[in-house]
Amino acid sequence: MSTHIRHQAAPNPDGCRWCGFDRPHGWQYLPSVGLHQWGPPTNAQRLARMKARRNARKDTR
């Protein structure tokens, strides 16, 4: 089993639901989702991304 890391840092809380990329997004491809356009992240994704970004800032201080 392999692990695929898309982002070195947590994506923007308002990034794409599927891949985390910001707008302008266009069409992106992911093996797990396929070809997709930007989709709004869920509230749970937004919260998790905000917490991850906050924790990353604390680690660098």
PDB file of N, CA and C in Angstrom:
ATOM      1  N   MET A   1       0.847  -1.175   0.000  1.00  0.00           N
ATOM      2  CA  MET A   1       0.000   0.000   0.000  1.00  0.00           C
ATOM      3  C   MET A   1       0.890   1.235   0.000  1.00  0.00           C
ATOM      4  N   SER A   2       0.547   2.224  -0.807  1.00  0.00           N
ATOM      5  CA  SER A   2       1.341   3.450  -0.874  1.00  0.00           C
ATOM      6  C   SER A   2       0.513   4.631  -0.384  1.00  0.00           C
ATOM      7  N   THR A   3       1.229   5.661   0.026  1.00  0.00           N
ATOM      8  CA  THR A   3       0.585   6.886   0.478  1.00  0.00           C
ATOM      9  C   THR A   3       0.914   7.983  -0.498  1.00  0.00           C
ATOM     10  N   HIS A   4      -0.094   8.707  -0.920  1.00  0.00           N
ATOM     11  CA  HIS A   4       0.093   9.816  -1.851  1.00  0.00           C
ATOM     12  C   HIS A   4      -0.179  11.107  -1.105  1.00  0.00           C
ATOM     13  N   ILE A   5       0.825  11.978  -1.035  1.00  0.00           N
ATOM     14  CA  ILE A   5       0.664  13.265  -0.367  1.00  0.00           C
ATOM     15  C   ILE A   5       0.507  14.324  -1.441  1.00  0.00           C
ATOM     16  N   ARG A   6      -0.651  14.979  -1.482  1.00  0.00           N
ATOM     17  CA  ARG A   6      -0.914  15.993  -2.494  1.00  0.00           C
ATOM     18  C   ARG A   6      -0.317  17.334  -2.134  1.00  0.00           C
ATOM     19  N   HIS A   7      -0.295  17.657  -0.844  1.00  0.00           N
ATOM     20  CA  HIS A   7       0.143  18.968  -0.401  1.00  0.00           C
ATOM     21  C   HIS A   7       1.196  18.818   0.685  1.00  0.00           C
ATOM     22  N   GLN A   8       2.222  19.639   0.628  1.00  0.00           N
ATOM     23  CA  GLN A   8       3.208  19.641   1.701  1.00  0.00           C
ATOM     24  C   GLN A   8       2.623  20.298   2.948  1.00  0.00           C
ATOM     25  N   ALA A   9       1.771  21.281   2.757  1.00  0.00           N
ATOM     26  CA  ALA A   9       1.073  21.951   3.858  1.00  0.00           C
ATOM     27  C   ALA A   9      -0.424  21.733   3.664  1.00  0.00           C
ATOM     28  N   ALA A  10      -1.170  22.003   4.715  1.00  0.00           N
ATOM     29  CA  ALA A  10      -2.624  21.848   4.610  1.00  0.00           C
ATOM     30  C   ALA A  10      -3.171  22.801   3.551  1.00  0.00           C
ATOM     31  N   PRO A  11      -4.112  22.334   2.740  1.00  0.00           N
ATOM     32  CA  PRO A  11      -4.669  23.214   1.714  1.00  0.00           C
ATOM     33  C   PRO A  11      -5.498  24.345   2.317  1.00  0.00           C
ATOM     34  N   ASN A  12      -5.749  25.344   1.492  1.00  0.00           N
ATOM     35  CA  ASN A  12      -6.611  26.451   1.868  1.00  0.00           C
ATOM     36  C   ASN A  12      -7.951  25.871   2.332  1.00  0.00           C
ATOM     37  N   PRO A  13      -8.509  26.370   3.440  1.00  0.00           N
ATOM     38  CA  PRO A  13      -9.797  25.844   3.906  1.00  0.00           C
ATOM     39  C   PRO A  13     -10.910  25.905   2.859  1.00  0.00           C
ATOM     40  N   ASP A  14     -10.829  26.846   1.933  1.00  0.00           N
ATOM     41  CA  ASP A  14     -11.853  26.952   0.900  1.00  0.00           C
ATOM     42  C   ASP A  14     -11.411  26.329  -0.423  1.00  0.00           C
ATOM     43  N   GLY A  15     -10.337  25.524  -0.400  1.00  0.00           N
ATOM     44  CA  GLY A  15      -9.892  24.832  -1.607  1.00  0.00           C
ATOM     45  C   GLY A  15     -10.883  23.751  -2.010  1.00  0.00           C
ATOM     46  N   CYS A  16     -10.668  23.185  -3.169  1.00  0.00           N
ATOM     47  CA  CYS A  16     -11.560  22.163  -3.720  1.00  0.00           C
ATOM     48  C   CYS A  16     -11.810  21.015  -2.742  1.00  0.00           C
ATOM     49  N   ARG A  17     -13.019  20.562  -2.710  1.00  0.00           N
ATOM     50  CA  ARG A  17     -13.422  19.441  -1.862  1.00  0.00           C
ATOM     51  C   ARG A  17     -12.593  18.195  -2.148  1.00  0.00           C
ATOM     52  N   TRP A  18     -12.271  17.958  -3.401  1.00  0.00           N
ATOM     53  CA  TRP A  18     -11.639  16.713  -3.812  1.00  0.00           C
ATOM     54  C   TRP A  18     -10.118  16.769  -3.780  1.00  0.00           C
ATOM     55  N   CYS A  19      -9.527  17.872  -4.235  1.00  0.00           N
ATOM     56  CA  CYS A  19      -8.071  17.914  -4.354  1.00  0.00           C
ATOM     57  C   CYS A  19      -7.419  19.004  -3.512  1.00  0.00           C
ATOM     58  N   GLY A  20      -8.201  19.965  -3.000  1.00  0.00           N
ATOM     59  CA  GLY A  20      -7.658  21.011  -2.161  1.00  0.00           C
ATOM     60  C   GLY A  20      -7.104  22.209  -2.908  1.00  0.00           C
ATOM     61  N   PHE A  21      -7.072  22.161  -4.242  1.00  0.00           N
ATOM     62  CA  PHE A  21      -6.539  23.277  -5.012  1.00  0.00           C
ATOM     63  C   PHE A  21      -7.503  24.457  -4.981  1.00  0.00           C
ATOM     64  N   ASP A  22      -6.913  25.656  -4.997  1.00  0.00           N
ATOM     65  CA  ASP A  22      -7.707  26.882  -5.006  1.00  0.00           C
ATOM     66  C   ASP A  22      -8.267  27.139  -6.389  1.00  0.00           C
ATOM     67  N   ARG A  23      -9.151  28.127  -6.441  1.00  0.00           N
ATOM     68  CA  ARG A  23      -9.641  28.617  -7.726  1.00  0.00           C
ATOM     69  C   ARG A  23      -8.636  29.594  -8.278  1.00  0.00           C
ATOM     70  N   PRO A  24      -8.428  29.802  -9.542  1.00  0.00           N
ATOM     71  CA  PRO A  24      -9.103  29.102 -10.628  1.00  0.00           C
ATOM     72  C   PRO A  24      -8.613  27.655 -10.705  1.00  0.00           C
ATOM     73  N   HIS A  25      -9.501  26.775 -10.798  1.00  0.00           N
ATOM     74  CA  HIS A  25      -9.249  25.344 -10.665  1.00  0.00           C
ATOM     75  C   HIS A  25      -9.248  24.637 -12.014  1.00  0.00           C
ATOM     76  N   GLY A  26     -10.205  24.983 -12.881  1.00  0.00           N
ATOM     77  CA  GLY A  26     -10.320  24.279 -14.157  1.00  0.00           C
ATOM     78  C   GLY A  26     -10.685  22.829 -13.926  1.00  0.00           C
ATOM     79  N   TRP A  27     -10.254  21.970 -14.814  1.00  0.00           N
ATOM     80  CA  TRP A  27     -10.485  20.534 -14.688  1.00  0.00           C
ATOM     81  C   TRP A  27      -9.228  19.899 -14.127  1.00  0.00           C
ATOM     82  N   GLN A  28      -9.377  19.089 -13.099  1.00  0.00           N
ATOM     83  CA  GLN A  28      -8.269  18.362 -12.484  1.00  0.00           C
ATOM     84  C   GLN A  28      -8.605  16.873 -12.512  1.00  0.00           C
ATOM     85  N   TYR A  29      -7.559  16.056 -12.461  1.00  0.00           N
ATOM     86  CA  TYR A  29      -7.769  14.610 -12.445  1.00  0.00           C
ATOM     87  C   TYR A  29      -7.128  14.012 -11.204  1.00  0.00           C
ATOM     88  N   LEU A  30      -7.868  13.170 -10.525  1.00  0.00           N
ATOM     89  CA  LEU A  30      -7.358  12.373  -9.418  1.00  0.00           C
ATOM     90  C   LEU A  30      -7.809  10.939  -9.647  1.00  0.00           C
ATOM     91  N   PRO A  31      -6.941   9.973  -9.414  1.00  0.00           N
ATOM     92  CA  PRO A  31      -7.349   8.588  -9.621  1.00  0.00           C
ATOM     93  C   PRO A  31      -8.582   8.197  -8.788  1.00  0.00           C
ATOM     94  N   SER A  32      -8.693   8.735  -7.579  1.00  0.00           N
ATOM     95  CA  SER A  32      -9.811   8.358  -6.715  1.00  0.00           C
ATOM     96  C   SER A  32     -11.130   9.020  -7.098  1.00  0.00           C
ATOM     97  N   VAL A  33     -11.071  10.167  -7.790  1.00  0.00           N
ATOM     98  CA  VAL A  33     -12.280  10.918  -8.134  1.00  0.00           C
ATOM     99  C   VAL A  33     -12.505  10.960  -9.633  1.00  0.00           C
ATOM    100  N   GLY A  34     -11.417  10.968 -10.374  1.00  0.00           N
ATOM    101  CA  GLY A  34     -11.512  11.119 -11.813  1.00  0.00           C
ATOM    102  C   GLY A  34     -11.414  12.591 -12.191  1.00  0.00           C
ATOM    103  N   LEU A  35     -11.887  12.904 -13.367  1.00  0.00           N
ATOM    104  CA  LEU A  35     -11.869  14.276 -13.856  1.00  0.00           C
ATOM    105  C   LEU A  35     -12.966  15.058 -13.144  1.00  0.00           C
ATOM    106  N   HIS A  36     -12.589  16.175 -12.551  1.00  0.00           N
ATOM    107  CA  HIS A  36     -13.576  16.932 -11.784  1.00  0.00           C
ATOM    108  C   HIS A  36     -13.309  18.425 -11.880  1.00  0.00           C
ATOM    109  N   GLN A  37     -14.341  19.199 -11.611  1.00  0.00           N
ATOM    110  CA  GLN A  37     -14.217  20.637 -11.460  1.00  0.00           C
ATOM    111  C   GLN A  37     -14.240  20.947  -9.971  1.00  0.00           C
ATOM    112  N   TRP A  38     -13.966  22.217  -9.642  1.00  0.00           N
ATOM    113  CA  TRP A  38     -13.933  22.627  -8.243  1.00  0.00           C
ATOM    114  C   TRP A  38     -15.260  22.314  -7.572  1.00  0.00           C
ATOM    115  N   GLY A  39     -15.176  21.762  -6.379  1.00  0.00           N
ATOM    116  CA  GLY A  39     -16.359  21.501  -5.571  1.00  0.00           C
ATOM    117  C   GLY A  39     -16.160  22.116  -4.198  1.00  0.00           C
ATOM    118  N   PRO A  40     -17.199  22.655  -3.599  1.00  0.00           N
ATOM    119  CA  PRO A  40     -17.044  23.282  -2.285  1.00  0.00           C
ATOM    120  C   PRO A  40     -16.720  22.239  -1.216  1.00  0.00           C
ATOM    121  N   PRO A  41     -15.779  22.560  -0.337  1.00  0.00           N
ATOM    122  CA  PRO A  41     -15.442  21.604   0.724  1.00  0.00           C
ATOM    123  C   PRO A  41     -16.572  21.499   1.742  1.00  0.00           C
ATOM    124  N   THR A  42     -16.625  20.369   2.397  1.00  0.00           N
ATOM    125  CA  THR A  42     -17.624  20.200   3.452  1.00  0.00           C
ATOM    126  C   THR A  42     -17.192  21.018   4.669  1.00  0.00           C
ATOM    127  N   ASN A  43     -18.106  21.258   5.578  1.00  0.00           N
ATOM    128  CA  ASN A  43     -17.758  21.982   6.806  1.00  0.00           C
ATOM    129  C   ASN A  43     -16.698  21.238   7.603  1.00  0.00           C
ATOM    130  N   ALA A  44     -16.784  19.905   7.613  1.00  0.00           N
ATOM    131  CA  ALA A  44     -15.789  19.108   8.328  1.00  0.00           C
ATOM    132  C   ALA A  44     -14.402  19.256   7.688  1.00  0.00           C
ATOM    133  N   GLN A  45     -14.347  19.295   6.352  1.00  0.00           N
ATOM    134  CA  GLN A  45     -13.066  19.503   5.671  1.00  0.00           C
ATOM    135  C   GLN A  45     -12.497  20.874   5.992  1.00  0.00           C
ATOM    136  N   ARG A  46     -13.336  21.895   5.968  1.00  0.00           N
ATOM    137  CA  ARG A  46     -12.871  23.251   6.293  1.00  0.00           C
ATOM    138  C   ARG A  46     -12.279  23.298   7.699  1.00  0.00           C
ATOM    139  N   LEU A  47     -12.977  22.726   8.652  1.00  0.00           N
ATOM    140  CA  LEU A  47     -12.519  22.723  10.030  1.00  0.00           C
ATOM    141  C   LEU A  47     -11.201  21.967  10.167  1.00  0.00           C
ATOM    142  N   ALA A  48     -11.098  20.794   9.549  1.00  0.00           N
ATOM    143  CA  ALA A  48      -9.867  20.007   9.622  1.00  0.00           C
ATOM    144  C   ALA A  48      -8.696  20.750   8.983  1.00  0.00           C
ATOM    145  N   ARG A  49      -8.936  21.423   7.877  1.00  0.00           N
ATOM    146  CA  ARG A  49      -7.882  22.183   7.203  1.00  0.00           C
ATOM    147  C   ARG A  49      -7.434  23.367   8.051  1.00  0.00           C
ATOM    148  N   MET A  50      -8.389  24.059   8.673  1.00  0.00           N
ATOM    149  CA  MET A  50      -8.030  25.193   9.533  1.00  0.00           C
ATOM    150  C   MET A  50      -7.201  24.722  10.724  1.00  0.00           C
ATOM    151  N   LYS A  51      -7.598  23.603  11.333  1.00  0.00           N
ATOM    152  CA  LYS A  51      -6.845  23.073  12.472  1.00  0.00           C
ATOM    153  C   LYS A  51      -5.442  22.632  12.056  1.00  0.00           C
ATOM    154  N   ALA A  52      -5.326  21.996  10.903  1.00  0.00           N
ATOM    155  CA  ALA A  52      -4.012  21.557  10.416  1.00  0.00           C
ATOM    156  C   ALA A  52      -3.106  22.745  10.141  1.00  0.00           C
ATOM    157  N   ARG A  53      -3.645  23.800   9.549  1.00  0.00           N
ATOM    158  CA  ARG A  53      -2.843  24.996   9.279  1.00  0.00           C
ATOM    159  C   ARG A  53      -2.422  25.674  10.578  1.00  0.00           C
ATOM    160  N   ARG A  54      -3.313  25.725  11.561  1.00  0.00           N
ATOM    161  CA  ARG A  54      -2.985  26.324  12.855  1.00  0.00           C
ATOM    162  C   ARG A  54      -1.882  25.516  13.544  1.00  0.00           C
ATOM    163  N   ASN A  55      -2.000  24.195  13.531  1.00  0.00           N
ATOM    164  CA  ASN A  55      -0.981  23.348  14.152  1.00  0.00           C
ATOM    165  C   ASN A  55       0.362  23.472  13.451  1.00  0.00           C
ATOM    166  N   ALA A  56       0.362  23.623  12.143  1.00  0.00           N
ATOM    167  CA  ALA A  56       1.608  23.783  11.391  1.00  0.00           C
ATOM    168  C   ALA A  56       2.290  25.086  11.779  1.00  0.00           C
ATOM    169  N   ARG A  57       1.516  26.140  12.000  1.00  0.00           N
ATOM    170  CA  ARG A  57       2.100  27.430  12.426  1.00  0.00           C
ATOM    171  C   ARG A  57       2.712  27.311  13.804  1.00  0.00           C
ATOM    172  N   LYS A  58       2.063  26.572  14.702  1.00  0.00           N
ATOM    173  CA  LYS A  58       2.589  26.403  16.064  1.00  0.00           C
ATOM    174  C   LYS A  58       3.914  25.646  16.044  1.00  0.00           C
ATOM    175  N   ASP A  59       4.045  24.673  15.116  1.00  0.00           N
ATOM    176  CA  ASP A  59       5.260  23.859  15.053  1.00  0.00           C
ATOM    177  C   ASP A  59       6.464  24.654  14.563  1.00  0.00           C
ATOM    178  N   THR A  60       6.232  25.723  13.814  1.00  0.00           N
ATOM    179  CA  THR A  60       7.357  26.479  13.264  1.00  0.00           C
ATOM    180  C   THR A  60       7.799  27.613  14.181  1.00  0.00           C
ATOM    181  N   ARG A  61       7.086  27.860  15.236  1.00  0.00           N
ATOM    182  CA  ARG A  61       7.436  28.950  16.156  1.00  0.00           C
ATOM    183  C   ARG A  61       8.442  28.513  17.161  1.00  0.00           C
TER     184      ARG A  61
END
